[in-house]
Amino acid sequence: QIQLVESGGASVQAGGSLTLSCAVFGYISSYYRMGWFRQAPGKEREGVAVVDSAERASYADSVKGRFTISQDNVKNTLYLQMNNLKPEDTAMYYCAASFGTFRASMPAQGRLSSGLFGYWGQGTQVTVSS
């Protein structure tokens, strides 16, 4: 049983920064993939940033250069550093995980599919005001 617990969501002004954390409880194996997704009201859930145990990271075009995904294997925690936040970043942010790494041949944008992840956290709200 794997449990994911997100934290770090808050209300900030445009241009500000936040760091989201996702604590992983349970054993996910040495080969895994994890990521951050978000869902704004009335919109579909979208992939923001993903990474696997081989350190293959992918980002949505809308956050490239502003967001950084990282992991601390000692603390079993996944992070999302978000800089230069924009109002359009407002959403519920979810942490996700699954067994196995991404296929090396998989296109970077393909790794952002929510269907590749089987475990989900409850989410943490990020609100960016202009």
N, C-alpha and C. Protein backbone atom coordinates (compact mmCIF):
# COMPACT_ATOMS: atom_id res chain seq x y z
N GLN A 1 0.85 -1.18 0.00
CA GLN A 1 0.00 0.00 0.00
C GLN A 1 0.89 1.24 0.00
N ILE A 2 0.67 2.10 -0.93
CA ILE A 2 1.44 3.33 -1.05
C ILE A 2 0.51 4.49 -0.76
N GLN A 3 0.97 5.40 0.09
CA GLN A 3 0.21 6.60 0.39
C GLN A 3 1.06 7.81 0.06
N LEU A 4 0.44 8.79 -0.59
CA LEU A 4 1.12 10.03 -0.96
C LEU A 4 0.44 11.18 -0.24
N VAL A 5 1.22 12.02 0.40
CA VAL A 5 0.66 13.14 1.16
C VAL A 5 1.35 14.43 0.70
N GLU A 6 0.56 15.29 0.09
CA GLU A 6 1.09 16.56 -0.40
C GLU A 6 1.00 17.64 0.67
N SER A 7 1.87 18.63 0.56
CA SER A 7 1.82 19.80 1.42
C SER A 7 2.51 20.95 0.71
N GLY A 8 2.32 22.15 1.23
CA GLY A 8 3.01 23.30 0.69
C GLY A 8 2.16 24.26 -0.11
N GLY A 9 0.92 23.86 -0.40
CA GLY A 9 0.06 24.74 -1.15
C GLY A 9 -0.29 25.99 -0.35
N ALA A 10 -0.50 27.10 -1.05
CA ALA A 10 -0.81 28.36 -0.38
C ALA A 10 -1.35 29.36 -1.39
N SER A 11 -1.71 30.51 -0.87
CA SER A 11 -2.11 31.63 -1.73
C SER A 11 -0.95 32.60 -1.83
N VAL A 12 -0.55 32.93 -3.05
CA VAL A 12 0.58 33.83 -3.27
C VAL A 12 0.23 34.82 -4.37
N GLN A 13 1.00 35.87 -4.47
CA GLN A 13 0.81 36.84 -5.53
C GLN A 13 1.63 36.43 -6.75
N ALA A 14 1.20 36.90 -7.89
CA ALA A 14 1.91 36.62 -9.13
C ALA A 14 3.38 37.04 -8.99
N GLY A 15 4.24 36.20 -9.53
CA GLY A 15 5.67 36.45 -9.42
C GLY A 15 6.32 35.78 -8.22
N GLY A 16 5.50 35.27 -7.33
CA GLY A 16 6.02 34.63 -6.13
C GLY A 16 6.45 33.19 -6.38
N SER A 17 6.89 32.55 -5.30
CA SER A 17 7.40 31.18 -5.38
C SER A 17 6.77 30.31 -4.30
N LEU A 18 6.69 29.04 -4.59
CA LEU A 18 6.23 28.05 -3.63
C LEU A 18 6.98 26.75 -3.88
N THR A 19 7.12 25.96 -2.83
CA THR A 19 7.65 24.61 -2.98
C THR A 19 6.64 23.62 -2.43
N LEU A 20 6.18 22.74 -3.28
CA LEU A 20 5.27 21.67 -2.87
C LEU A 20 6.09 20.44 -2.49
N SER A 21 5.60 19.70 -1.51
CA SER A 21 6.23 18.47 -1.08
C SER A 21 5.25 17.33 -1.15
N CYS A 22 5.76 16.16 -1.44
CA CYS A 22 4.95 14.95 -1.48
C CYS A 22 5.69 13.86 -0.71
N ALA A 23 5.19 13.52 0.45
CA ALA A 23 5.79 12.47 1.25
C ALA A 23 5.23 11.12 0.82
N VAL A 24 6.12 10.16 0.61
CA VAL A 24 5.73 8.83 0.16
C VAL A 24 5.80 7.86 1.32
N PHE A 25 4.68 7.20 1.61
CA PHE A 25 4.64 6.20 2.66
C PHE A 25 4.40 4.84 2.01
N GLY A 26 5.25 3.87 2.36
CA GLY A 26 5.17 2.56 1.75
C GLY A 26 6.31 2.38 0.76
N TYR A 27 6.53 1.14 0.38
CA TYR A 27 7.65 0.83 -0.52
C TYR A 27 7.19 0.86 -1.96
N ILE A 28 7.86 1.69 -2.77
CA ILE A 28 7.45 1.84 -4.15
C ILE A 28 8.39 1.13 -5.10
N SER A 29 9.43 0.51 -4.60
CA SER A 29 10.42 -0.24 -5.37
C SER A 29 11.54 0.69 -5.85
N SER A 30 12.61 0.09 -6.36
CA SER A 30 13.77 0.88 -6.82
C SER A 30 13.52 1.49 -8.19
N TYR A 31 12.52 0.99 -8.88
CA TYR A 31 12.18 1.48 -10.22
C TYR A 31 10.77 2.06 -10.16
N TYR A 32 10.68 3.35 -10.32
CA TYR A 32 9.40 4.03 -10.13
C TYR A 32 9.34 5.28 -10.99
N ARG A 33 8.17 5.82 -11.08
CA ARG A 33 7.97 7.12 -11.70
C ARG A 33 7.03 7.92 -10.80
N MET A 34 7.27 9.18 -10.71
CA MET A 34 6.45 10.06 -9.88
C MET A 34 6.24 11.37 -10.60
N GLY A 35 5.25 12.11 -10.16
CA GLY A 35 5.00 13.36 -10.84
C GLY A 35 4.00 14.25 -10.13
N TRP A 36 3.88 15.43 -10.68
CA TRP A 36 2.91 16.42 -10.21
C TRP A 36 1.92 16.72 -11.34
N PHE A 37 0.66 16.73 -10.95
CA PHE A 37 -0.42 17.07 -11.87
C PHE A 37 -1.23 18.18 -11.23
N ARG A 38 -2.03 18.85 -12.03
CA ARG A 38 -2.89 19.90 -11.48
C ARG A 38 -4.21 19.91 -12.20
N GLN A 39 -5.21 20.41 -11.48
CA GLN A 39 -6.54 20.52 -12.06
C GLN A 39 -7.18 21.80 -11.57
N ALA A 40 -7.51 22.65 -12.52
CA ALA A 40 -8.21 23.90 -12.22
C ALA A 40 -9.71 23.66 -12.36
N PRO A 41 -10.53 24.46 -11.68
CA PRO A 41 -11.98 24.27 -11.79
C PRO A 41 -12.46 24.31 -13.24
N GLY A 42 -13.23 23.32 -13.61
CA GLY A 42 -13.78 23.27 -14.95
C GLY A 42 -12.83 22.79 -16.02
N LYS A 43 -11.64 22.38 -15.62
CA LYS A 43 -10.64 21.92 -16.58
C LYS A 43 -10.22 20.49 -16.26
N GLU A 44 -9.64 19.84 -17.24
CA GLU A 44 -9.14 18.50 -17.04
C GLU A 44 -7.81 18.51 -16.30
N ARG A 45 -7.53 17.39 -15.64
CA ARG A 45 -6.26 17.27 -14.96
C ARG A 45 -5.14 17.23 -15.99
N GLU A 46 -4.07 17.95 -15.72
CA GLU A 46 -2.96 18.00 -16.66
C GLU A 46 -1.63 17.71 -15.94
N GLY A 47 -0.73 17.10 -16.67
CA GLY A 47 0.59 16.82 -16.14
C GLY A 47 1.42 18.08 -16.09
N VAL A 48 2.10 18.28 -14.98
CA VAL A 48 2.94 19.46 -14.80
C VAL A 48 4.42 19.08 -14.93
N ALA A 49 4.84 18.09 -14.16
CA ALA A 49 6.24 17.66 -14.17
C ALA A 49 6.31 16.23 -13.66
N VAL A 50 7.12 15.41 -14.29
CA VAL A 50 7.27 14.02 -13.88
C VAL A 50 8.75 13.65 -13.89
N VAL A 51 9.07 12.61 -13.14
CA VAL A 51 10.45 12.14 -13.07
C VAL A 51 10.41 10.66 -12.72
N ASP A 52 11.45 9.93 -13.11
CA ASP A 52 11.50 8.54 -12.71
C ASP A 52 12.81 8.25 -11.97
N SER A 53 12.98 7.01 -11.55
CA SER A 53 14.15 6.66 -10.76
C SER A 53 15.44 6.75 -11.57
N ALA A 54 15.32 6.83 -12.90
CA ALA A 54 16.48 7.03 -13.76
C ALA A 54 16.74 8.51 -13.99
N GLU A 55 16.02 9.34 -13.27
CA GLU A 55 16.17 10.79 -13.33
C GLU A 55 15.74 11.39 -14.67
N ARG A 56 14.85 10.69 -15.35
CA ARG A 56 14.29 11.27 -16.58
C ARG A 56 13.15 12.19 -16.18
N ALA A 57 13.31 13.48 -16.42
CA ALA A 57 12.31 14.47 -16.04
C ALA A 57 11.68 15.09 -17.28
N SER A 58 10.39 15.38 -17.17
CA SER A 58 9.67 16.04 -18.25
C SER A 58 8.78 17.11 -17.65
N TYR A 59 8.58 18.18 -18.41
CA TYR A 59 7.78 19.30 -17.94
C TYR A 59 6.76 19.70 -19.00
N ALA A 60 5.63 20.18 -18.53
CA ALA A 60 4.67 20.79 -19.44
C ALA A 60 5.27 22.07 -19.99
N ASP A 61 4.95 22.37 -21.24
CA ASP A 61 5.51 23.57 -21.87
C ASP A 61 5.18 24.83 -21.06
N SER A 62 4.03 24.85 -20.42
CA SER A 62 3.58 26.04 -19.71
C SER A 62 4.40 26.33 -18.45
N VAL A 63 5.18 25.35 -17.98
CA VAL A 63 5.94 25.57 -16.74
C VAL A 63 7.44 25.46 -16.95
N LYS A 64 7.87 25.12 -18.14
CA LYS A 64 9.30 24.98 -18.39
C LYS A 64 10.03 26.29 -18.07
N GLY A 65 11.15 26.15 -17.37
CA GLY A 65 11.92 27.32 -16.98
C GLY A 65 11.45 27.97 -15.70
N ARG A 66 10.27 27.58 -15.20
CA ARG A 66 9.74 28.15 -13.97
C ARG A 66 9.63 27.11 -12.85
N PHE A 67 9.30 25.88 -13.19
CA PHE A 67 9.10 24.82 -12.20
C PHE A 67 10.24 23.82 -12.29
N THR A 68 10.60 23.25 -11.14
CA THR A 68 11.63 22.21 -11.08
C THR A 68 11.16 21.07 -10.19
N ILE A 69 11.20 19.87 -10.74
CA ILE A 69 10.84 18.70 -9.95
C ILE A 69 12.12 18.06 -9.42
N SER A 70 12.07 17.61 -8.17
CA SER A 70 13.24 16.97 -7.58
C SER A 70 12.78 15.94 -6.57
N GLN A 71 13.70 15.08 -6.18
CA GLN A 71 13.35 14.02 -5.25
C GLN A 71 14.46 13.81 -4.24
N ASP A 72 14.07 13.49 -3.03
CA ASP A 72 15.02 13.16 -1.97
C ASP A 72 14.73 11.73 -1.57
N ASN A 73 15.56 10.82 -2.02
CA ASN A 73 15.30 9.40 -1.78
C ASN A 73 15.51 9.01 -0.32
N VAL A 74 16.30 9.78 0.40
CA VAL A 74 16.50 9.50 1.82
C VAL A 74 15.23 9.84 2.59
N LYS A 75 14.63 10.97 2.24
CA LYS A 75 13.42 11.40 2.92
C LYS A 75 12.16 10.85 2.28
N ASN A 76 12.31 10.11 1.17
CA ASN A 76 11.14 9.60 0.44
C ASN A 76 10.16 10.73 0.14
N THR A 77 10.70 11.79 -0.42
CA THR A 77 9.87 12.96 -0.68
C THR A 77 10.14 13.49 -2.08
N LEU A 78 9.06 13.87 -2.73
CA LEU A 78 9.12 14.50 -4.05
C LEU A 78 8.79 15.97 -3.87
N TYR A 79 9.49 16.83 -4.60
CA TYR A 79 9.27 18.26 -4.49
C TYR A 79 8.91 18.87 -5.85
N LEU A 80 8.25 20.01 -5.77
CA LEU A 80 8.02 20.82 -6.96
C LEU A 80 8.31 22.27 -6.58
N GLN A 81 9.43 22.77 -7.05
CA GLN A 81 9.77 24.17 -6.82
C GLN A 81 9.12 25.00 -7.92
N MET A 82 8.30 25.96 -7.53
CA MET A 82 7.57 26.77 -8.49
C MET A 82 7.97 28.23 -8.33
N ASN A 83 8.53 28.78 -9.37
CA ASN A 83 8.96 30.18 -9.37
C ASN A 83 8.17 30.99 -10.39
N ASN A 84 8.18 32.30 -10.21
CA ASN A 84 7.49 33.20 -11.13
C ASN A 84 6.06 32.71 -11.39
N LEU A 85 5.34 32.48 -10.33
CA LEU A 85 3.99 31.95 -10.46
C LEU A 85 3.06 32.93 -11.15
N LYS A 86 2.13 32.39 -11.92
CA LYS A 86 1.17 33.18 -12.68
C LYS A 86 -0.24 32.80 -12.24
N PRO A 87 -1.20 33.70 -12.43
CA PRO A 87 -2.59 33.36 -12.06
C PRO A 87 -3.07 32.07 -12.72
N GLU A 88 -2.61 31.79 -13.92
CA GLU A 88 -3.04 30.57 -14.60
C GLU A 88 -2.45 29.30 -13.99
N ASP A 89 -1.56 29.45 -13.01
CA ASP A 89 -1.04 28.29 -12.28
C ASP A 89 -1.98 27.87 -11.15
N THR A 90 -3.01 28.67 -10.91
CA THR A 90 -3.97 28.36 -9.86
C THR A 90 -4.67 27.05 -10.14
N ALA A 91 -4.58 26.12 -9.18
CA ALA A 91 -5.17 24.80 -9.36
C ALA A 91 -4.94 23.98 -8.09
N MET A 92 -5.60 22.83 -8.05
CA MET A 92 -5.28 21.82 -7.05
C MET A 92 -4.13 21.00 -7.63
N TYR A 93 -3.09 20.84 -6.87
CA TYR A 93 -1.91 20.10 -7.33
C TYR A 93 -1.88 18.74 -6.66
N TYR A 94 -1.70 17.71 -7.49
CA TYR A 94 -1.70 16.33 -7.01
C TYR A 94 -0.35 15.68 -7.27
N CYS A 95 0.06 14.88 -6.31
CA CYS A 95 1.24 14.04 -6.46
C CYS A 95 0.78 12.66 -6.93
N ALA A 96 1.56 12.06 -7.80
CA ALA A 96 1.22 10.74 -8.32
C ALA A 96 2.45 9.86 -8.41
N ALA A 97 2.24 8.56 -8.35
CA ALA A 97 3.36 7.63 -8.40
C ALA A 97 2.92 6.32 -9.02
N SER A 98 3.90 5.56 -9.50
CA SER A 98 3.61 4.23 -10.01
C SER A 98 4.90 3.44 -10.08
N PHE A 99 4.76 2.12 -10.20
CA PHE A 99 5.92 1.26 -10.32
C PHE A 99 6.47 1.34 -11.74
N GLY A 100 7.79 1.18 -11.85
CA GLY A 100 8.42 1.13 -13.14
C GLY A 100 8.85 2.49 -13.65
N THR A 101 9.91 2.50 -14.45
CA THR A 101 10.39 3.75 -15.04
C THR A 101 9.73 3.99 -16.39
N PHE A 102 9.93 5.16 -16.92
CA PHE A 102 9.43 5.47 -18.27
C PHE A 102 10.30 4.73 -19.28
N ARG A 103 9.69 4.25 -20.34
CA ARG A 103 10.48 3.68 -21.42
C ARG A 103 11.36 4.77 -22.00
N ALA A 104 12.60 4.44 -22.27
CA ALA A 104 13.54 5.44 -22.79
C ALA A 104 13.05 6.02 -24.11
N SER A 105 12.28 5.23 -24.87
CA SER A 105 11.82 5.69 -26.18
C SER A 105 10.56 6.54 -26.10
N MET A 106 9.97 6.65 -24.91
CA MET A 106 8.73 7.41 -24.77
C MET A 106 9.01 8.89 -24.91
N PRO A 107 8.27 9.58 -25.76
CA PRO A 107 8.44 11.03 -25.89
C PRO A 107 8.22 11.72 -24.56
N ALA A 108 8.95 12.80 -24.35
CA ALA A 108 8.89 13.49 -23.07
C ALA A 108 7.47 13.91 -22.72
N GLN A 109 6.74 14.45 -23.69
CA GLN A 109 5.39 14.90 -23.38
C GLN A 109 4.45 13.73 -23.08
N GLY A 110 4.75 12.58 -23.62
CA GLY A 110 3.93 11.40 -23.36
C GLY A 110 4.01 10.94 -21.92
N ARG A 111 5.10 11.28 -21.26
CA ARG A 111 5.28 10.88 -19.86
C ARG A 111 4.36 11.64 -18.92
N LEU A 112 3.74 12.71 -19.41
CA LEU A 112 2.88 13.55 -18.59
C LEU A 112 1.44 13.04 -18.53
N SER A 113 1.21 11.87 -19.07
CA SER A 113 -0.14 11.33 -19.07
C SER A 113 -0.52 10.79 -17.70
N SER A 114 -1.68 11.16 -17.20
CA SER A 114 -2.12 10.70 -15.89
C SER A 114 -2.38 9.20 -15.88
N GLY A 115 -2.63 8.63 -17.05
CA GLY A 115 -2.89 7.21 -17.13
C GLY A 115 -1.70 6.33 -16.80
N LEU A 116 -0.51 6.93 -16.73
CA LEU A 116 0.70 6.19 -16.40
C LEU A 116 0.91 6.05 -14.90
N PHE A 117 0.01 6.63 -14.11
CA PHE A 117 0.19 6.66 -12.67
C PHE A 117 -1.00 6.03 -11.96
N GLY A 118 -0.68 5.18 -10.98
CA GLY A 118 -1.74 4.45 -10.29
C GLY A 118 -2.02 4.90 -8.87
N TYR A 119 -1.12 5.64 -8.30
CA TYR A 119 -1.30 6.11 -6.93
C TYR A 119 -1.36 7.63 -6.91
N TRP A 120 -2.31 8.15 -6.14
CA TRP A 120 -2.55 9.59 -6.12
C TRP A 120 -2.71 10.09 -4.70
N GLY A 121 -2.23 11.32 -4.47
CA GLY A 121 -2.48 11.98 -3.21
C GLY A 121 -3.81 12.72 -3.24
N GLN A 122 -4.11 13.39 -2.14
CA GLN A 122 -5.38 14.10 -2.02
C GLN A 122 -5.32 15.51 -2.59
N GLY A 123 -4.14 16.02 -2.82
CA GLY A 123 -4.00 17.32 -3.44
C GLY A 123 -3.71 18.44 -2.45
N THR A 124 -3.11 19.50 -2.97
CA THR A 124 -2.84 20.70 -2.19
C THR A 124 -3.13 21.91 -3.08
N GLN A 125 -3.84 22.88 -2.54
CA GLN A 125 -4.33 24.00 -3.35
C GLN A 125 -3.28 25.10 -3.49
N VAL A 126 -3.10 25.53 -4.71
CA VAL A 126 -2.23 26.67 -5.02
C VAL A 126 -3.10 27.74 -5.67
N THR A 127 -3.08 28.93 -5.10
CA THR A 127 -3.85 30.04 -5.64
C THR A 127 -2.91 31.21 -5.87
N VAL A 128 -2.90 31.71 -7.10
CA VAL A 128 -2.02 32.82 -7.47
C VAL A 128 -2.88 34.01 -7.86
N SER A 129 -2.72 35.10 -7.17
CA SER A 129 -3.51 36.29 -7.45
C SER A 129 -2.67 37.30 -8.22
N SER A 130 -3.36 38.06 -9.05
CA SER A 130 -2.66 39.04 -9.89
C SER A 130 -2.50 40.35 -9.17
